[in-house]
Amino acid sequence: MSSANPSRDYDIVLFGATSFVGRIIARYLLEHGGERRLCFAGRSEHTLTELYGETQVPVRVADASDAAAMAELARSARVIITTVGPYARYGRALVRACAEAGTHYVDLSGEAEFVQDSVRELDDLAAARGAKIIHSCGFDSVPSDLACWLLAEHCGGQLGTVQMVVSDLVGGVSGGTIASMLNSLRTGRPAARHPYALNNELYGPAPSEEASSRPRLGRGESLAPFFMAGYNVRLVRRSAWLLDYGESFRYSEVHDLGSRPRALAFTAVLGAISYLAQRDWGQRVLQRLFPAPGEGPSEQQRATGRFTVTTTELASGHSVRIHHDRDPGYDSTALMISEIALSLLDADSPATAGVLTPATGGGAAALRRLRAAGMEIHTCPASTADHTDSSADERKK
């Protein structure tokens, strides 16, 4: 099923095209968007013209706080990509406008409260209007979500205990991403921290959060918490509910830092950031330490980035390995959200509409595009799987 209304002015509108990540996405779309009709939108006409005046791509001025402007933007496109966050503050009008207009929507949100509200308020509306609302289409949470979906496909649809191990992670975090994370930590309501916060209803056993929140030391190696796990596991549980991975499904994420001292230090740093982010004075401290919105690493620095994640179904030993040799938070993220957006225009895009996930909304069409774009995504049978046992960590040599 291709995107809704082909008579719209544009195939894809990128909103937030002047942001740091938005500029990287715009470049990717210019290079890989083919014949798709693009439009770059943002708040500043001067900046839009300065950046894209020579590209022949139309630009539109729109403010995220103007509901009428967001409705007009949504009606102009078949697919909207938005990088304008924090989404809980700046994204509500646009996502609602897309649901009402039957326009497909993708974002980079890792904000549980925003996505929870989207599920509660817009799922039925989007489904009725034929709109796919797909949150979290970057490094959080595409590798997590697609890996579990592929495992389920490989294991007959049902999954038991699954763990994702992040390794060889090299890259930076943009000022905009930091701002969204800090806003979520500071203002997020308790209900958004529920293990099944992003589901329409509870599904499966009460999961333990320990595997994603405490360092694990054993057999000469160390697994620390993965800093995106708190959100990723909830997003994956939504896919599990939508696709029925089975009531025995449990999921966790950890970060293999290769040594005990690194894992302990990393865990301490995460704890300190969480503590500071929930206090006004602590937020001010963190804002001085991290990049400001609009800032990020140079192209040369981003070129040295990379990531590898290995996701294993522990009972069967089957695993999925995903690797990409670009900065996960920037170039890889730009590739992921762009290819998912483009996949929504393809004939083999899943027919399901509503508030979805990268796996349920992108499906095989997105997977095909990501592989063709250079992302290594391999399913490994048990005989060659990289086992990560929950009681005794065994690292592939």
Protein backbone atom coordinates (compact mmCIF):
# COMPACT_ATOMS: atom_id res chain seq x y z
CA MET A 1 0.00 0.00 0.00
CA SER A 2 1.48 3.34 -1.01
CA SER A 3 0.90 6.62 0.76
CA ALA A 4 -2.54 8.15 0.90
CA ASN A 5 -3.34 11.01 -1.45
CA PRO A 6 -1.08 11.19 -4.55
CA SER A 7 -2.63 14.52 -5.54
CA ARG A 8 -0.90 16.37 -2.68
CA ASP A 9 1.55 19.12 -3.60
CA TYR A 10 4.55 17.21 -2.26
CA ASP A 11 5.54 13.62 -1.65
CA ILE A 12 7.67 14.49 1.39
CA VAL A 13 7.83 17.66 3.47
CA LEU A 14 10.79 17.91 5.86
CA PHE A 15 9.80 20.18 8.76
CA GLY A 16 12.76 21.40 10.79
CA ALA A 17 15.02 21.49 7.73
CA THR A 18 17.18 24.23 9.27
CA SER A 19 18.05 22.26 12.42
CA PHE A 20 21.38 20.46 12.69
CA VAL A 21 19.88 17.01 12.11
CA GLY A 22 17.38 18.46 9.64
CA ARG A 23 20.18 19.71 7.40
CA ILE A 24 21.71 16.23 7.31
CA ILE A 25 18.34 14.68 6.46
CA ALA A 26 17.78 17.28 3.74
CA ARG A 27 21.11 16.43 2.15
CA TYR A 28 20.26 12.72 2.27
CA LEU A 29 16.89 13.30 0.61
CA LEU A 30 18.48 15.44 -2.09
CA GLU A 31 20.96 12.67 -2.86
CA HIS A 32 18.69 9.64 -2.48
CA GLY A 33 15.12 10.86 -2.89
CA GLY A 34 15.00 10.08 -6.59
CA GLU A 35 12.11 11.77 -8.36
CA ARG A 36 10.10 12.35 -5.21
CA ARG A 37 8.66 15.84 -4.85
CA LEU A 38 10.35 17.41 -1.83
CA CYS A 39 9.68 20.50 0.23
CA PHE A 40 11.82 21.86 3.07
CA ALA A 41 10.00 23.75 5.81
CA GLY A 42 10.97 25.66 8.91
CA ARG A 43 10.42 28.80 10.92
CA SER A 44 12.97 31.11 9.25
CA GLU A 45 12.51 32.05 5.60
CA HIS A 46 15.96 33.64 5.56
CA THR A 47 17.69 30.47 6.78
CA LEU A 48 15.67 28.22 4.48
CA THR A 49 16.58 30.35 1.47
CA GLU A 50 20.21 30.56 2.52
CA LEU A 51 20.49 26.78 2.88
CA TYR A 52 18.33 25.58 -0.01
CA GLY A 53 17.90 28.50 -2.40
CA GLU A 54 20.08 26.86 -5.04
CA THR A 55 18.57 23.36 -4.80
CA GLN A 56 15.32 24.02 -6.71
CA VAL A 57 13.44 22.45 -3.78
CA PRO A 58 10.48 24.59 -2.65
CA VAL A 59 10.61 25.97 0.89
CA ARG A 60 7.75 26.82 3.22
CA VAL A 61 7.69 28.94 6.35
CA ALA A 62 5.71 27.49 9.25
CA ASP A 63 5.77 27.78 13.03
CA ALA A 64 5.22 24.69 15.17
CA SER A 65 3.07 26.68 17.61
CA ASP A 66 0.63 27.73 14.85
CA ALA A 67 -2.01 24.98 14.61
CA ALA A 68 -3.47 26.39 11.39
CA ALA A 69 -0.04 26.44 9.75
CA MET A 70 0.57 22.85 10.84
CA ALA A 71 -2.78 21.79 9.39
CA GLU A 72 -1.94 23.46 6.09
CA LEU A 73 1.48 21.80 6.05
CA ALA A 74 -0.06 18.38 6.72
CA ARG A 75 -2.58 18.80 3.89
CA SER A 76 0.20 19.65 1.44
CA ALA A 77 2.14 16.39 1.79
CA ARG A 78 1.83 12.65 1.48
CA VAL A 79 4.51 12.17 4.15
CA ILE A 80 5.79 14.57 6.82
CA ILE A 81 9.24 14.20 8.40
CA THR A 82 9.70 16.38 11.46
CA THR A 83 12.82 17.03 13.53
CA VAL A 84 11.28 19.85 15.59
CA GLY A 85 11.57 18.99 19.26
CA PRO A 86 11.24 18.60 22.12
CA TYR A 87 8.16 17.00 20.63
CA ALA A 88 6.08 17.25 23.79
CA ARG A 89 6.49 21.02 23.50
CA TYR A 90 6.57 21.61 19.74
CA GLY A 91 5.19 18.49 18.07
CA ARG A 92 1.60 18.07 19.20
CA ALA A 93 -0.13 20.31 16.65
CA LEU A 94 1.65 18.73 13.68
CA VAL A 95 1.11 15.09 14.61
CA ARG A 96 -2.59 15.77 15.23
CA ALA A 97 -2.86 17.61 11.92
CA CYS A 98 -1.32 14.64 10.10
CA ALA A 99 -3.72 12.19 11.74
CA GLU A 100 -6.68 14.38 10.77
CA ALA A 101 -5.46 14.90 7.20
CA GLY A 102 -4.60 11.26 6.55
CA THR A 103 -0.95 12.21 6.08
CA HIS A 104 1.82 9.80 7.00
CA TYR A 105 4.14 11.14 9.70
CA VAL A 106 7.61 10.15 10.94
CA ASP A 107 9.72 11.72 13.66
CA LEU A 108 12.77 11.18 15.87
CA SER A 109 10.96 11.31 19.20
CA GLY A 110 12.28 9.33 22.13
CA GLU A 111 9.85 11.04 24.51
CA ALA A 112 7.57 8.48 26.17
CA GLU A 113 5.01 11.03 27.34
CA PHE A 114 4.57 12.50 23.86
CA VAL A 115 4.23 9.09 22.22
CA GLN A 116 1.88 7.86 24.94
CA ASP A 117 -0.41 10.83 24.29
CA SER A 118 -0.21 10.13 20.56
CA VAL A 119 -1.33 6.54 21.13
CA ARG A 120 -4.16 7.52 23.44
CA GLU A 121 -5.47 10.47 21.45
CA LEU A 122 -4.69 9.72 17.80
CA ASP A 123 -4.51 5.96 17.19
CA ASP A 124 -8.17 5.52 16.27
CA LEU A 125 -8.31 8.78 14.32
CA ALA A 126 -5.18 7.99 12.30
CA ALA A 127 -6.41 4.47 11.55
CA ALA A 128 -9.76 5.81 10.36
CA ARG A 129 -8.09 8.41 8.10
CA GLY A 130 -5.46 6.00 6.74
CA ALA A 131 -2.49 7.83 8.29
CA LYS A 132 0.59 6.06 9.58
CA ILE A 133 1.99 7.88 12.59
CA ILE A 134 5.45 6.41 13.16
CA HIS A 135 7.49 7.75 16.02
CA SER A 136 11.14 7.03 16.84
CA CYS A 137 12.56 6.52 13.35
CA GLY A 138 16.22 7.16 14.18
CA PHE A 139 18.86 5.31 16.18
CA ASP A 140 16.19 5.26 18.81
CA SER A 141 14.43 3.01 18.07
CA VAL A 142 14.86 1.52 14.57
CA PRO A 143 17.63 -1.04 15.32
CA SER A 144 15.83 -2.21 18.47
CA ASP A 145 12.44 -2.53 16.82
CA LEU A 146 13.47 -4.05 13.49
CA ALA A 147 15.74 -6.61 15.16
CA CYS A 148 12.93 -7.95 17.35
CA TRP A 149 10.55 -8.00 14.39
CA LEU A 150 13.06 -9.98 12.33
CA LEU A 151 13.58 -12.41 15.21
CA ALA A 152 9.84 -12.92 15.46
CA GLU A 153 9.66 -13.59 11.72
CA HIS A 154 12.50 -16.10 12.08
CA CYS A 155 11.01 -17.78 15.17
CA GLY A 156 7.48 -18.29 13.88
CA GLY A 157 6.05 -15.11 15.34
CA GLN A 158 6.50 -15.93 19.03
CA LEU A 159 9.40 -14.77 21.20
CA GLY A 160 10.62 -15.46 24.71
CA THR A 161 13.39 -13.52 26.42
CA VAL A 162 15.27 -11.23 24.04
CA GLN A 163 18.30 -9.08 24.79
CA MET A 164 19.99 -6.46 22.64
CA VAL A 165 23.70 -5.81 23.23
CA VAL A 166 25.11 -2.54 21.90
CA SER A 167 28.80 -2.67 21.03
CA ASP A 168 31.36 -0.62 19.13
CA LEU A 169 29.29 2.53 19.61
CA VAL A 170 31.10 5.63 18.35
CA GLY A 171 29.27 8.90 17.82
CA GLY A 172 27.96 12.14 19.23
CA VAL A 173 24.62 13.49 20.38
CA SER A 174 23.15 16.69 18.97
CA GLY A 175 22.06 19.62 21.07
CA GLY A 176 18.47 19.07 19.96
CA THR A 177 18.54 15.44 21.09
CA ILE A 178 19.99 16.49 24.44
CA ALA A 179 17.27 19.11 24.85
CA SER A 180 14.56 16.49 24.19
CA MET A 181 16.10 14.03 26.64
CA LEU A 182 16.47 16.63 29.38
CA ASN A 183 12.92 17.86 28.85
CA SER A 184 11.59 14.31 29.08
CA LEU A 185 13.52 13.56 32.27
CA ARG A 186 12.39 16.79 33.88
CA THR A 187 8.71 16.90 32.93
CA GLY A 188 7.73 13.30 32.18
CA ARG A 189 4.71 12.09 34.16
CA PRO A 190 4.91 8.83 36.15
CA ALA A 191 2.42 7.07 33.85
CA ALA A 192 4.84 7.49 30.95
CA ARG A 193 7.42 5.43 32.87
CA HIS A 194 5.11 2.41 33.10
CA PRO A 195 6.65 -0.63 31.35
CA TYR A 196 3.70 -0.73 28.93
CA ALA A 197 3.30 3.05 28.64
CA LEU A 198 3.09 2.98 24.84
CA ASN A 199 0.60 0.12 24.55
CA ASN A 200 -3.14 0.46 24.16
CA GLU A 201 -3.42 -2.11 26.94
CA LEU A 202 -1.20 -4.27 29.14
CA TYR A 203 0.35 -7.22 27.34
CA GLY A 204 2.55 -9.99 28.68
CA PRO A 205 4.17 -10.52 32.08
CA ALA A 206 5.36 -7.67 34.27
CA PRO A 207 8.88 -7.10 32.95
CA SER A 208 11.92 -6.51 35.10
CA GLU A 209 13.80 -3.30 34.35
CA GLU A 210 16.96 -4.56 36.06
CA ALA A 211 18.68 -5.76 32.91
CA SER A 212 18.55 -2.29 31.47
CA SER A 213 19.33 -0.32 34.61
CA ARG A 214 22.17 -2.04 36.45
CA PRO A 215 25.72 -2.93 35.43
CA ARG A 216 26.38 -6.66 35.14
CA LEU A 217 29.86 -7.98 35.80
CA GLY A 218 30.93 -11.49 34.99
CA ARG A 219 33.49 -13.66 33.22
CA GLY A 220 35.92 -10.82 32.80
CA GLU A 221 33.56 -8.52 30.94
CA SER A 222 30.95 -5.96 31.75
CA LEU A 223 27.54 -4.94 30.49
CA ALA A 224 26.32 -1.49 31.49
CA PRO A 225 22.90 0.09 31.01
CA PHE A 226 22.23 1.38 27.51
CA PHE A 227 21.23 5.01 27.83
CA MET A 228 18.36 4.70 25.34
CA ALA A 229 16.96 1.49 26.82
CA GLY A 230 14.35 3.15 29.02
CA TYR A 231 12.49 4.37 25.96
CA ASN A 232 13.44 1.68 23.44
CA VAL A 233 12.07 -1.20 25.50
CA ARG A 234 8.68 0.51 25.71
CA LEU A 235 8.59 1.15 21.98
CA VAL A 236 9.48 -2.49 21.27
CA ARG A 237 6.71 -3.63 23.64
CA ARG A 238 4.26 -1.67 21.52
CA SER A 239 5.36 -3.63 18.47
CA ALA A 240 5.05 -6.82 20.53
CA TRP A 241 1.46 -5.91 21.34
CA LEU A 242 0.59 -4.92 17.77
CA LEU A 243 2.23 -7.99 16.21
CA ASP A 244 1.61 -10.48 19.04
CA TYR A 245 5.09 -11.72 19.95
CA GLY A 246 3.42 -13.82 22.66
CA GLU A 247 2.81 -13.33 26.36
CA SER A 248 6.23 -14.75 27.26
CA PHE A 249 8.07 -11.96 25.45
CA ARG A 250 10.57 -10.06 27.58
CA TYR A 251 13.05 -7.53 26.26
CA SER A 252 16.07 -5.66 27.59
CA GLU A 253 19.04 -3.67 26.28
CA VAL A 254 22.58 -3.35 27.58
CA HIS A 255 25.80 -1.71 26.44
CA ASP A 256 28.99 -3.78 26.26
CA LEU A 257 31.81 -1.43 27.24
CA GLY A 258 34.48 -4.12 27.32
CA SER A 259 35.74 -3.65 30.88
CA ARG A 260 34.48 -3.40 34.43
CA PRO A 261 35.87 0.07 35.15
CA ARG A 262 34.26 1.52 32.04
CA ALA A 263 30.90 -0.06 32.83
CA LEU A 264 30.91 1.18 36.41
CA ALA A 265 31.99 4.67 35.36
CA PHE A 266 29.38 4.81 32.61
CA THR A 267 26.64 3.69 34.99
CA ALA A 268 27.67 6.35 37.49
CA VAL A 269 27.58 9.04 34.80
CA LEU A 270 24.09 8.00 33.68
CA GLY A 271 22.90 8.11 37.27
CA ALA A 272 24.35 11.58 37.76
CA ILE A 273 22.73 12.88 34.56
CA SER A 274 19.36 11.48 35.60
CA TYR A 275 19.67 13.10 39.04
CA LEU A 276 20.68 16.48 37.65
CA ALA A 277 18.07 16.48 34.88
CA GLN A 278 15.22 16.32 37.38
CA ARG A 279 16.31 19.54 39.11
CA ASP A 280 16.24 23.07 37.74
CA TRP A 281 19.77 23.85 38.88
CA GLY A 282 20.95 20.51 37.52
CA GLN A 283 19.42 21.28 34.13
CA ARG A 284 21.44 24.49 34.02
CA VAL A 285 24.62 22.54 34.79
CA LEU A 286 23.92 20.01 32.05
CA GLN A 287 23.11 22.72 29.52
CA ARG A 288 26.59 24.13 30.03
CA LEU A 289 28.18 20.70 29.56
CA PHE A 290 26.32 19.52 26.46
CA PRO A 291 25.94 21.01 22.95
CA ALA A 292 23.19 23.60 22.52
CA PRO A 293 20.33 23.00 20.05
CA GLY A 294 21.64 23.53 16.53
CA GLU A 295 25.13 22.32 17.42
CA GLY A 296 26.78 19.00 16.62
CA PRO A 297 29.95 17.32 15.35
CA SER A 298 31.60 18.14 12.05
CA GLU A 299 31.14 16.01 8.94
CA GLN A 300 34.65 14.66 9.41
CA GLN A 301 33.89 13.64 12.99
CA ARG A 302 30.61 12.03 11.96
CA ALA A 303 32.39 9.99 9.29
CA THR A 304 34.30 8.12 12.01
CA GLY A 305 31.12 7.05 13.80
CA ARG A 306 29.69 3.55 13.79
CA PHE A 307 27.52 1.15 15.75
CA THR A 308 26.85 -2.54 16.10
CA VAL A 309 23.90 -4.11 17.90
CA THR A 310 23.28 -7.82 18.33
CA THR A 311 19.81 -8.91 19.43
CA THR A 312 19.39 -12.50 20.59
CA GLU A 313 16.41 -14.69 21.44
CA LEU A 314 18.00 -16.52 24.33
CA ALA A 315 16.02 -19.77 24.21
CA SER A 316 16.66 -20.50 20.54
CA GLY A 317 19.98 -18.70 20.15
CA HIS A 318 18.80 -16.98 16.97
CA SER A 319 20.12 -13.45 16.61
CA VAL A 320 20.00 -10.36 14.42
CA ARG A 321 23.08 -8.22 13.92
CA ILE A 322 22.80 -4.62 12.69
CA HIS A 323 25.86 -2.55 11.81
CA HIS A 324 26.47 0.78 10.10
CA ASP A 325 29.70 2.69 9.59
CA ARG A 326 28.37 6.18 10.22
CA ASP A 327 27.59 8.25 13.29
CA PRO A 328 24.44 6.66 14.78
CA GLY A 329 22.90 9.90 16.03
CA TYR A 330 23.37 11.85 12.80
CA ASP A 331 24.17 10.22 9.45
CA SER A 332 22.73 6.82 10.36
CA THR A 333 19.66 8.47 11.85
CA ALA A 334 19.21 10.58 8.70
CA LEU A 335 19.39 7.44 6.58
CA MET A 336 16.89 5.59 8.78
CA ILE A 337 14.19 8.23 8.96
CA SER A 338 14.57 9.14 5.27
CA GLU A 339 14.33 5.56 4.05
CA ILE A 340 11.34 4.83 6.29
CA ALA A 341 9.62 7.96 4.96
CA LEU A 342 10.40 6.93 1.37
CA SER A 343 9.15 3.40 2.05
CA LEU A 344 5.72 4.79 2.95
CA LEU A 345 5.41 5.84 -0.69
CA ASP A 346 6.23 2.34 -1.98
CA ALA A 347 3.60 -0.10 -3.19
CA ASP A 348 4.69 -2.80 -0.72
CA SER A 349 4.37 -0.59 2.36
CA PRO A 350 2.20 -2.29 5.03
CA ALA A 351 -1.50 -1.43 4.79
CA THR A 352 -1.93 -0.91 8.54
CA ALA A 353 -2.66 2.64 9.72
CA GLY A 354 -2.72 4.23 13.17
CA VAL A 355 -0.02 5.11 15.68
CA LEU A 356 2.60 2.56 14.73
CA THR A 357 6.29 1.74 15.17
CA PRO A 358 9.17 1.46 12.68
CA ALA A 359 8.57 -2.30 12.43
CA THR A 360 4.78 -2.23 12.17
CA GLY A 361 4.61 0.83 9.93
CA GLY A 362 7.71 0.29 7.82
CA GLY A 363 7.87 -3.49 7.67
CA ALA A 364 9.53 -5.30 4.80
CA ALA A 365 9.50 -2.19 2.59
CA ALA A 366 11.59 -0.24 5.10
CA LEU A 367 13.89 -3.21 5.71
CA ARG A 368 14.54 -3.57 1.99
CA ARG A 369 15.39 0.10 1.67
CA LEU A 370 17.66 0.18 4.71
CA ARG A 371 19.65 -2.77 3.41
CA ALA A 372 19.90 -1.26 -0.06
CA ALA A 373 21.13 2.00 1.50
CA GLY A 374 24.09 0.23 3.10
CA MET A 375 22.92 -0.78 6.55
CA GLU A 376 24.10 -4.30 7.37
CA ILE A 377 21.18 -6.29 8.79
CA HIS A 378 21.82 -10.01 9.16
CA THR A 379 19.75 -12.80 10.70
CA CYS A 380 21.97 -15.46 12.25
CA PRO A 381 20.79 -19.01 13.05
CA ALA A 382 21.53 -20.50 16.44
CA SER A 383 24.70 -22.24 15.25
CA THR A 384 26.35 -18.90 14.46
CA ALA A 385 24.45 -16.66 16.87
CA ASP A 386 26.24 -14.42 19.31
CA HIS A 387 24.77 -15.67 22.60
CA THR A 388 24.30 -13.31 25.51
CA ASP A 389 22.94 -15.40 28.37
CA SER A 390 21.05 -13.52 31.08
CA SER A 391 22.83 -15.36 33.89
CA ALA A 392 26.32 -15.68 32.42
CA ASP A 393 27.43 -13.25 29.75
CA GLU A 394 29.22 -14.96 26.88
CA ARG A 395 30.80 -12.64 24.40
CA LYS A 396 31.54 -13.71 20.87
CA LYS A 397 35.30 -13.89 20.50
